Amino acid sequence: MKYLFLLLLSVACGSFRPTAPEREIDFFKLQWAKNLDPDYVSGNLPIGLGAPRIFNDIVYMGSMSGVMSAYDVESGRVLWTANDKTPLGGPVEFFNDHVAYGGQSGRFFVRHYLTGELKYAIDLGAPVESAPFFFNGHMIVYLRGHQIVHLDAETGKVLWVYKRAVPVTTTLQRTTKPLLIGNKIILGFADGYVGALSVEEGLLLWETKIVDQAKFIDVDLNPVLMGGAIVTGSPSGELKALNPDSGVISRSYGVSVMAHPVLKGEQIILGTNDGEVIIMSFAGEILKKAKISEQPVSAVGWWKEHLVAASFDGTIRAIDPLTLKVVDEFALGYDYSSVFSDLVIKDDFMAIYSSRNRLYLFR
């Protein structure tokens, strides 16, 4: 997490770069872009940590100025907006005909995906900066105050709340996406632990500490199920595999990553703090590795039969999966721009949101 901290300190020194470098192929075809940077005063530069989502040919993105917008995926035309009057830092989640999301005030909103009509809004008591997780008519919302809230998705009724005591000096407030395995919800915590909660009551079934450093030990990599094991980690420690039933660590992979792991067939794609992309087998064997940047890789994905990686140098790169050679690059416009959530890939489109609050839609 020290890399995120350094980026937040240095981002204000970035300079606008109006042109992209020459390309070997025309991989990144920019469909449209939006500048969602809010008004701010000197010394208070807002950093975008959220991500867009794509559903039924609509791109959804909330802004730090408190406006949720729905854009036509082809043209970028605004279909509807809603002024929620609270900075919106987390992505939306879809269920039935609705989108659900929260704001920094702790207010949680559910709207019709086509019209933006409000179904309900409730106060959850702490900032919502991650996407809700929907399953079987229910939603899990991970709050900034180290609380996990289980809701009835249709009514917003709170079914249970799990709260974890975490010293404020240990965290930079990122959260993992929950992983549902049977009757267990697998999560990473800001105190260096991975844990499993029961779906029915929110009881802690097991917890395992996987990071031993003193600060910035958030386990904030989205857990994935790989070869029967849970794989997750912290940028301050090594990627680990755990038994989903007991939480016992079964393997340490010897790499530190900030980008959320991405599964592709029987392999896993990783982006490291050393600016490398790695293709690894489920058994932990590094099949391919290449250094693509002098800065940490913050997000990876698979699109148009290529690896795609974003790094702290403000560039996204398309990478040939056979050779790991960079075949195209796209500058995000500013030095120290990055992508702190994920690369949102849906059919022919890829949407990303940079730390400088720019929304890009590629085709």
Protein backbone atom coordinates (compact mmCIF):
# COMPACT_ATOMS: atom_id res chain seq x y z
CA MET A 1 0.00 0.00 0.00
CA LYS A 2 3.00 2.34 0.27
CA TYR A 3 2.78 2.77 -3.52
CA LEU A 4 -0.77 4.09 -3.26
CA PHE A 5 0.34 6.45 -0.48
CA LEU A 6 3.23 7.78 -2.56
CA LEU A 7 0.94 8.22 -5.56
CA LEU A 8 -1.56 10.26 -3.57
CA LEU A 9 1.24 12.55 -2.45
CA SER A 10 2.74 13.00 -5.90
CA VAL A 11 -0.34 13.10 -8.13
CA ALA A 12 -0.72 16.86 -7.84
CA CYS A 13 2.64 17.28 -9.59
CA GLY A 14 1.44 15.49 -12.73
CA SER A 15 1.42 17.29 -16.03
CA PHE A 16 -1.09 16.96 -18.85
CA ARG A 17 0.13 14.87 -21.78
CA PRO A 18 -2.05 15.66 -24.81
CA THR A 19 -0.70 13.04 -27.20
CA ALA A 20 -0.31 9.28 -27.00
CA PRO A 21 2.89 7.54 -28.16
CA GLU A 22 3.14 5.95 -31.58
CA ARG A 23 1.44 2.57 -31.78
CA GLU A 24 2.37 -0.70 -33.39
CA ILE A 25 -1.29 -1.61 -33.78
CA ASP A 26 -4.51 0.32 -33.27
CA PHE A 27 -5.68 -1.67 -30.23
CA PHE A 28 -7.05 1.08 -28.00
CA LYS A 29 -9.83 2.71 -29.99
CA LEU A 30 -11.27 5.46 -27.84
CA GLN A 31 -15.05 5.57 -28.29
CA TRP A 32 -15.57 8.54 -25.96
CA ALA A 33 -14.30 10.09 -22.73
CA LYS A 34 -15.73 12.23 -19.93
CA ASN A 35 -13.99 14.61 -17.54
CA LEU A 36 -15.71 14.10 -14.16
CA ASP A 37 -13.19 16.05 -12.09
CA PRO A 38 -15.11 18.03 -9.45
CA ASP A 39 -14.39 21.62 -8.47
CA TYR A 40 -11.64 21.78 -5.90
CA VAL A 41 -9.27 24.24 -4.28
CA SER A 42 -5.47 24.14 -4.37
CA GLY A 43 -4.05 21.53 -2.03
CA ASN A 44 -7.19 19.39 -2.03
CA LEU A 45 -6.85 17.31 -5.18
CA PRO A 46 -9.64 14.69 -5.39
CA ILE A 47 -8.38 11.22 -6.28
CA GLY A 48 -10.74 8.91 -8.18
CA LEU A 49 -10.86 5.43 -6.66
CA GLY A 50 -14.10 4.21 -8.23
CA ALA A 51 -14.96 2.25 -11.36
CA PRO A 52 -17.67 2.30 -14.03
CA ARG A 53 -20.01 -0.57 -14.81
CA ILE A 54 -21.67 -1.61 -18.10
CA PHE A 55 -25.15 -3.16 -18.31
CA ASN A 56 -27.55 -3.47 -21.27
CA ASP A 57 -25.54 -1.02 -23.40
CA ILE A 58 -25.43 1.58 -20.62
CA VAL A 59 -22.33 2.79 -18.76
CA TYR A 60 -22.90 3.84 -15.14
CA MET A 61 -20.49 6.10 -13.27
CA GLY A 62 -20.81 8.15 -10.10
CA SER A 63 -18.77 11.30 -9.53
CA MET A 64 -17.09 12.92 -6.56
CA SER A 65 -19.50 15.85 -7.06
CA GLY A 66 -22.36 13.53 -6.07
CA VAL A 67 -23.97 12.82 -9.43
CA MET A 68 -24.75 9.33 -10.74
CA SER A 69 -24.89 9.26 -14.54
CA ALA A 70 -26.01 6.69 -17.10
CA TYR A 71 -24.38 7.00 -20.54
CA ASP A 72 -25.23 5.39 -23.86
CA VAL A 73 -22.35 2.99 -24.54
CA GLU A 74 -22.12 3.87 -28.24
CA SER A 75 -22.31 7.66 -28.15
CA GLY A 76 -21.61 8.65 -24.56
CA ARG A 77 -24.91 10.56 -24.53
CA VAL A 78 -26.30 11.09 -21.03
CA LEU A 79 -29.47 9.02 -20.57
CA TRP A 80 -30.20 10.11 -17.01
CA THR A 81 -28.54 11.68 -14.00
CA ALA A 82 -29.34 11.77 -10.30
CA ASN A 83 -27.85 14.29 -7.89
CA ASP A 84 -27.38 12.28 -4.70
CA LYS A 85 -25.57 15.14 -2.91
CA THR A 86 -22.78 12.93 -1.59
CA PRO A 87 -19.48 11.97 -3.28
CA LEU A 88 -19.93 8.64 -5.07
CA GLY A 89 -16.72 6.62 -4.95
CA GLY A 90 -17.96 3.06 -5.43
CA PRO A 91 -19.24 1.19 -8.51
CA VAL A 92 -22.87 0.16 -8.95
CA GLU A 93 -24.24 -3.38 -8.69
CA PHE A 94 -27.14 -4.69 -10.77
CA PHE A 95 -30.11 -6.75 -9.65
CA ASN A 96 -33.38 -7.34 -11.49
CA ASP A 97 -34.10 -3.95 -13.16
CA HIS A 98 -32.16 -1.85 -10.69
CA VAL A 99 -28.73 -0.41 -9.91
CA ALA A 100 -27.51 -0.17 -6.32
CA TYR A 101 -24.66 1.99 -5.00
CA GLY A 102 -23.60 4.12 -2.06
CA GLY A 103 -21.89 7.39 -1.19
CA GLN A 104 -19.39 8.78 1.26
CA SER A 105 -22.16 10.03 3.55
CA GLY A 106 -23.23 6.42 4.13
CA ARG A 107 -26.40 6.89 2.09
CA PHE A 108 -27.26 3.82 -0.05
CA PHE A 109 -29.39 4.15 -3.20
CA VAL A 110 -31.35 1.75 -5.39
CA ARG A 111 -32.67 3.10 -8.72
CA HIS A 112 -34.28 1.75 -11.87
CA TYR A 113 -31.49 1.11 -14.36
CA LEU A 114 -33.32 2.69 -17.35
CA THR A 115 -34.94 5.75 -15.78
CA GLY A 116 -32.98 6.46 -12.60
CA GLU A 117 -36.23 6.45 -10.61
CA LEU A 118 -35.47 5.94 -6.92
CA LYS A 119 -36.74 2.67 -5.44
CA TYR A 120 -35.37 3.34 -1.95
CA ALA A 121 -32.51 5.01 -0.10
CA ILE A 122 -31.22 4.13 3.37
CA ASP A 123 -28.46 5.32 5.70
CA LEU A 124 -25.83 2.69 6.53
CA GLY A 125 -23.79 4.88 8.87
CA ALA A 126 -20.38 4.81 7.17
CA PRO A 127 -19.00 5.64 3.70
CA VAL A 128 -19.75 3.19 0.89
CA GLU A 129 -16.71 3.14 -1.40
CA SER A 130 -16.97 -0.32 -2.95
CA ALA A 131 -19.56 -2.09 -5.08
CA PRO A 132 -22.37 -3.96 -3.33
CA PHE A 133 -22.42 -7.72 -3.89
CA PHE A 134 -25.75 -9.24 -4.99
CA PHE A 135 -26.78 -12.90 -4.56
CA ASN A 136 -30.12 -14.72 -4.24
CA GLY A 137 -32.16 -11.59 -3.51
CA HIS A 138 -29.65 -10.28 -0.97
CA MET A 139 -26.83 -7.72 -0.96
CA ILE A 140 -23.59 -7.48 0.96
CA VAL A 141 -22.20 -3.95 1.38
CA TYR A 142 -18.65 -3.46 2.66
CA LEU A 143 -18.43 -0.11 4.46
CA ARG A 144 -15.37 2.04 5.03
CA GLY A 145 -15.81 1.76 8.80
CA HIS A 146 -14.84 -1.93 8.62
CA GLN A 147 -18.46 -3.02 8.70
CA ILE A 148 -20.18 -5.58 6.49
CA VAL A 149 -23.94 -5.10 6.09
CA HIS A 150 -26.30 -7.80 4.80
CA LEU A 151 -29.47 -6.38 3.21
CA ASP A 152 -32.65 -7.65 1.66
CA ALA A 153 -32.15 -6.30 -1.87
CA GLU A 154 -35.84 -5.59 -2.58
CA THR A 155 -36.64 -3.68 0.60
CA GLY A 156 -33.31 -2.48 1.99
CA LYS A 157 -34.02 -4.16 5.33
CA VAL A 158 -30.81 -4.77 7.27
CA LEU A 159 -30.54 -8.47 8.16
CA TRP A 160 -27.23 -8.34 10.05
CA VAL A 161 -24.11 -6.22 10.53
CA TYR A 162 -20.57 -7.44 11.20
CA LYS A 163 -18.22 -4.79 12.63
CA ARG A 164 -14.49 -5.25 13.00
CA ALA A 165 -12.23 -3.14 15.22
CA VAL A 166 -9.29 -1.93 13.12
CA PRO A 167 -6.70 0.66 14.29
CA VAL A 168 -6.91 3.67 11.99
CA THR A 169 -3.13 3.78 11.52
CA THR A 170 -3.04 0.45 9.72
CA THR A 171 -5.28 1.13 6.76
CA LEU A 172 -5.71 3.16 3.58
CA GLN A 173 -9.38 2.11 3.38
CA ARG A 174 -9.55 -0.13 0.32
CA THR A 175 -11.91 -3.11 0.52
CA THR A 176 -12.21 -6.47 -1.20
CA LYS A 177 -15.11 -7.76 -3.24
CA PRO A 178 -16.81 -10.55 -1.23
CA LEU A 179 -16.44 -14.12 -2.49
CA LEU A 180 -19.40 -16.43 -1.84
CA ILE A 181 -18.54 -20.12 -1.30
CA GLY A 182 -21.49 -22.22 -0.11
CA ASN A 183 -22.73 -20.63 3.11
CA LYS A 184 -19.55 -18.60 3.62
CA ILE A 185 -18.67 -15.04 2.64
CA ILE A 186 -14.90 -14.68 2.19
CA LEU A 187 -13.43 -11.21 2.80
CA GLY A 188 -10.14 -9.46 3.39
CA PHE A 189 -9.82 -7.07 6.32
CA ALA A 190 -7.74 -3.95 6.91
CA ASP A 191 -5.89 -5.52 9.85
CA GLY A 192 -4.04 -8.07 7.71
CA TYR A 193 -6.56 -10.90 8.15
CA VAL A 194 -8.71 -12.93 5.77
CA GLY A 195 -11.97 -14.18 7.24
CA ALA A 196 -15.14 -16.12 6.52
CA LEU A 197 -18.59 -15.00 7.70
CA SER A 198 -21.73 -17.13 7.75
CA VAL A 199 -24.35 -15.99 5.22
CA GLU A 200 -27.27 -16.51 7.61
CA GLU A 201 -26.05 -14.63 10.71
CA GLY A 202 -22.79 -12.88 9.89
CA LEU A 203 -20.86 -14.94 12.43
CA LEU A 204 -17.08 -15.16 12.04
CA LEU A 205 -16.35 -18.79 11.08
CA TRP A 206 -12.57 -18.44 10.78
CA GLU A 207 -9.87 -15.83 10.36
CA THR A 208 -6.23 -16.04 9.30
CA LYS A 209 -3.56 -13.37 9.45
CA ILE A 210 -1.56 -13.25 6.23
CA VAL A 211 0.37 -9.95 6.61
CA ASP A 212 2.79 -9.14 9.46
CA GLN A 213 3.91 -5.57 8.72
CA ALA A 214 3.01 -2.72 11.07
CA LYS A 215 1.12 -0.42 8.67
CA PHE A 216 -0.83 -0.45 5.40
CA ILE A 217 -1.53 -4.17 5.69
CA ASP A 218 -5.00 -4.10 4.14
CA VAL A 219 -5.95 -7.41 2.53
CA ASP A 220 -7.62 -5.66 -0.37
CA LEU A 221 -7.08 -7.96 -3.35
CA ASN A 222 -10.37 -9.47 -4.47
CA PRO A 223 -10.31 -13.14 -3.36
CA VAL A 224 -10.65 -15.69 -6.15
CA LEU A 225 -11.30 -19.43 -6.03
CA MET A 226 -8.43 -21.13 -7.82
CA GLY A 227 -7.93 -24.88 -7.86
CA GLY A 228 -10.06 -25.31 -4.76
CA ALA A 229 -8.16 -22.66 -2.77
CA ILE A 230 -8.87 -19.01 -1.97
CA VAL A 231 -6.18 -16.74 -3.43
CA THR A 232 -5.82 -13.21 -2.07
CA GLY A 233 -3.28 -10.92 -0.47
CA SER A 234 -2.07 -7.46 0.41
CA PRO A 235 0.28 -5.25 -1.61
CA SER A 236 2.39 -5.17 1.57
CA GLY A 237 2.82 -8.95 1.61
CA GLU A 238 2.94 -12.01 -0.59
CA LEU A 239 -0.01 -13.51 -2.44
CA LYS A 240 -1.41 -16.44 -0.43
CA ALA A 241 -3.65 -19.48 -1.00
CA LEU A 242 -5.96 -20.57 1.84
CA ASN A 243 -8.25 -23.51 2.52
CA PRO A 244 -11.84 -22.19 2.18
CA ASP A 245 -13.11 -24.46 4.97
CA SER A 246 -10.49 -23.70 7.63
CA GLY A 247 -8.54 -20.65 6.47
CA VAL A 248 -5.25 -22.54 6.79
CA ILE A 249 -2.57 -21.15 4.46
CA SER A 250 -1.67 -23.79 1.90
CA ARG A 251 0.74 -21.82 -0.28
CA SER A 252 2.65 -18.55 -0.54
CA TYR A 253 3.40 -17.47 -4.11
CA GLY A 254 6.39 -15.23 -3.45
CA VAL A 255 5.01 -12.21 -5.33
CA SER A 256 3.46 -8.96 -4.11
CA VAL A 257 0.68 -7.53 -6.23
CA MET A 258 -1.61 -4.50 -6.14
CA ALA A 259 -3.79 -5.39 -9.14
CA HIS A 260 -6.79 -7.63 -8.47
CA PRO A 261 -5.97 -11.15 -9.76
CA VAL A 262 -7.77 -12.22 -12.94
CA LEU A 263 -8.56 -15.85 -13.78
CA LYS A 264 -8.21 -16.99 -17.38
CA GLY A 265 -8.94 -20.67 -17.94
CA GLU A 266 -6.52 -22.69 -15.81
CA GLN A 267 -4.20 -19.73 -15.28
CA ILE A 268 -4.12 -16.55 -13.23
CA ILE A 269 -2.98 -13.12 -14.46
CA LEU A 270 -1.11 -10.92 -11.98
CA GLY A 271 0.33 -7.39 -12.01
CA THR A 272 3.16 -6.82 -9.54
CA ASN A 273 4.48 -3.94 -7.47
CA ASP A 274 7.68 -4.20 -9.53
CA GLY A 275 5.91 -3.31 -12.79
CA GLU A 276 5.68 -6.89 -14.06
CA VAL A 277 2.85 -8.93 -15.54
CA ILE A 278 2.84 -12.61 -14.66
CA ILE A 279 0.92 -15.58 -16.01
CA MET A 280 0.87 -18.30 -13.37
CA SER A 281 -0.57 -21.82 -13.20
CA PHE A 282 -2.97 -22.90 -10.47
CA ALA A 283 -0.06 -24.86 -8.98
CA GLY A 284 1.91 -21.67 -8.53
CA GLU A 285 4.33 -22.15 -11.43
CA ILE A 286 5.24 -18.89 -13.18
CA LEU A 287 4.64 -19.66 -16.84
CA LYS A 288 5.53 -16.23 -18.24
CA LYS A 289 6.76 -12.97 -16.80
CA ALA A 290 7.72 -9.61 -18.30
CA LYS A 291 8.50 -6.16 -16.95
CA ILE A 292 6.33 -3.57 -18.68
CA SER A 293 6.80 -0.51 -16.47
CA GLU A 294 9.13 1.07 -13.93
CA GLN A 295 6.05 1.74 -11.79
CA PRO A 296 3.71 -0.76 -10.06
CA VAL A 297 0.94 -2.36 -12.13
CA SER A 298 -2.38 -1.30 -10.59
CA ALA A 299 -4.91 -3.23 -12.72
CA VAL A 300 -4.94 -6.12 -15.19
CA GLY A 301 -7.55 -7.66 -17.46
CA TRP A 302 -8.19 -9.80 -20.54
CA TRP A 303 -9.70 -8.08 -23.58
CA LYS A 304 -9.68 -8.77 -27.33
CA GLU A 305 -7.44 -11.83 -26.82
CA HIS A 306 -4.74 -9.72 -25.13
CA LEU A 307 -3.64 -8.89 -21.62
CA VAL A 308 -4.32 -5.30 -20.63
CA ALA A 309 -2.45 -3.62 -17.78
CA ALA A 310 -2.58 -0.18 -16.16
CA SER A 311 0.38 1.18 -14.20
CA PHE A 312 1.28 4.16 -12.04
CA ASP A 313 3.07 5.86 -14.93
CA GLY A 314 -0.32 6.89 -16.33
CA THR A 315 -0.37 4.37 -19.19
CA ILE A 316 -2.49 1.35 -20.11
CA ARG A 317 -0.83 -1.28 -22.28
CA ALA A 318 -2.02 -4.11 -24.53
CA ILE A 319 0.23 -7.16 -24.23
CA ASP A 320 0.54 -10.17 -26.50
CA PRO A 321 -0.24 -13.18 -24.24
CA LEU A 322 2.19 -15.46 -26.11
CA THR A 323 5.26 -13.23 -26.03
CA LEU A 324 4.26 -10.70 -23.31
CA LYS A 325 5.41 -8.01 -25.71
CA VAL A 326 3.66 -4.64 -25.43
CA VAL A 327 1.82 -4.07 -28.73
CA ASP A 328 0.00 -0.82 -27.96
CA GLU A 329 -0.12 1.91 -25.34
CA PHE A 330 -2.56 4.63 -24.35
CA ALA A 331 -1.66 7.56 -22.07
CA LEU A 332 -4.39 8.48 -19.61
CA GLY A 333 -3.59 12.17 -19.95
CA TYR A 334 -1.69 12.97 -16.77
CA ASP A 335 1.47 11.75 -15.09
CA TYR A 336 0.69 9.50 -12.11
CA SER A 337 -2.77 8.64 -13.35
CA SER A 338 -3.74 5.14 -12.45
CA VAL A 339 -6.70 2.78 -12.19
CA PHE A 340 -7.36 1.77 -8.59
CA SER A 341 -10.38 -0.46 -9.10
CA ASP A 342 -10.59 -2.75 -12.13
CA LEU A 343 -10.65 -2.73 -15.90
CA VAL A 344 -14.35 -3.08 -16.71
CA ILE A 345 -14.74 -5.35 -19.73
CA LYS A 346 -18.09 -6.17 -21.31
CA ASP A 347 -18.41 -7.68 -24.78
CA ASP A 348 -16.67 -5.33 -27.25
CA PHE A 349 -16.10 -2.54 -24.74
CA MET A 350 -13.65 -1.69 -21.99
CA ALA A 351 -14.37 1.13 -19.53
CA ILE A 352 -11.85 2.54 -17.09
CA TYR A 353 -11.81 5.37 -14.56
CA SER A 354 -8.53 7.08 -13.78
CA SER A 355 -7.36 8.53 -10.50
CA ARG A 356 -7.69 11.95 -12.15
CA ASN A 357 -11.45 11.40 -12.51
CA ARG A 358 -11.54 10.72 -16.24
CA LEU A 359 -13.92 8.12 -17.64
CA TYR A 360 -12.75 6.34 -20.82
CA LEU A 361 -14.74 3.98 -23.01
CA PHE A 362 -12.71 1.90 -25.52
CA ARG A 363 -13.94 -0.35 -28.30
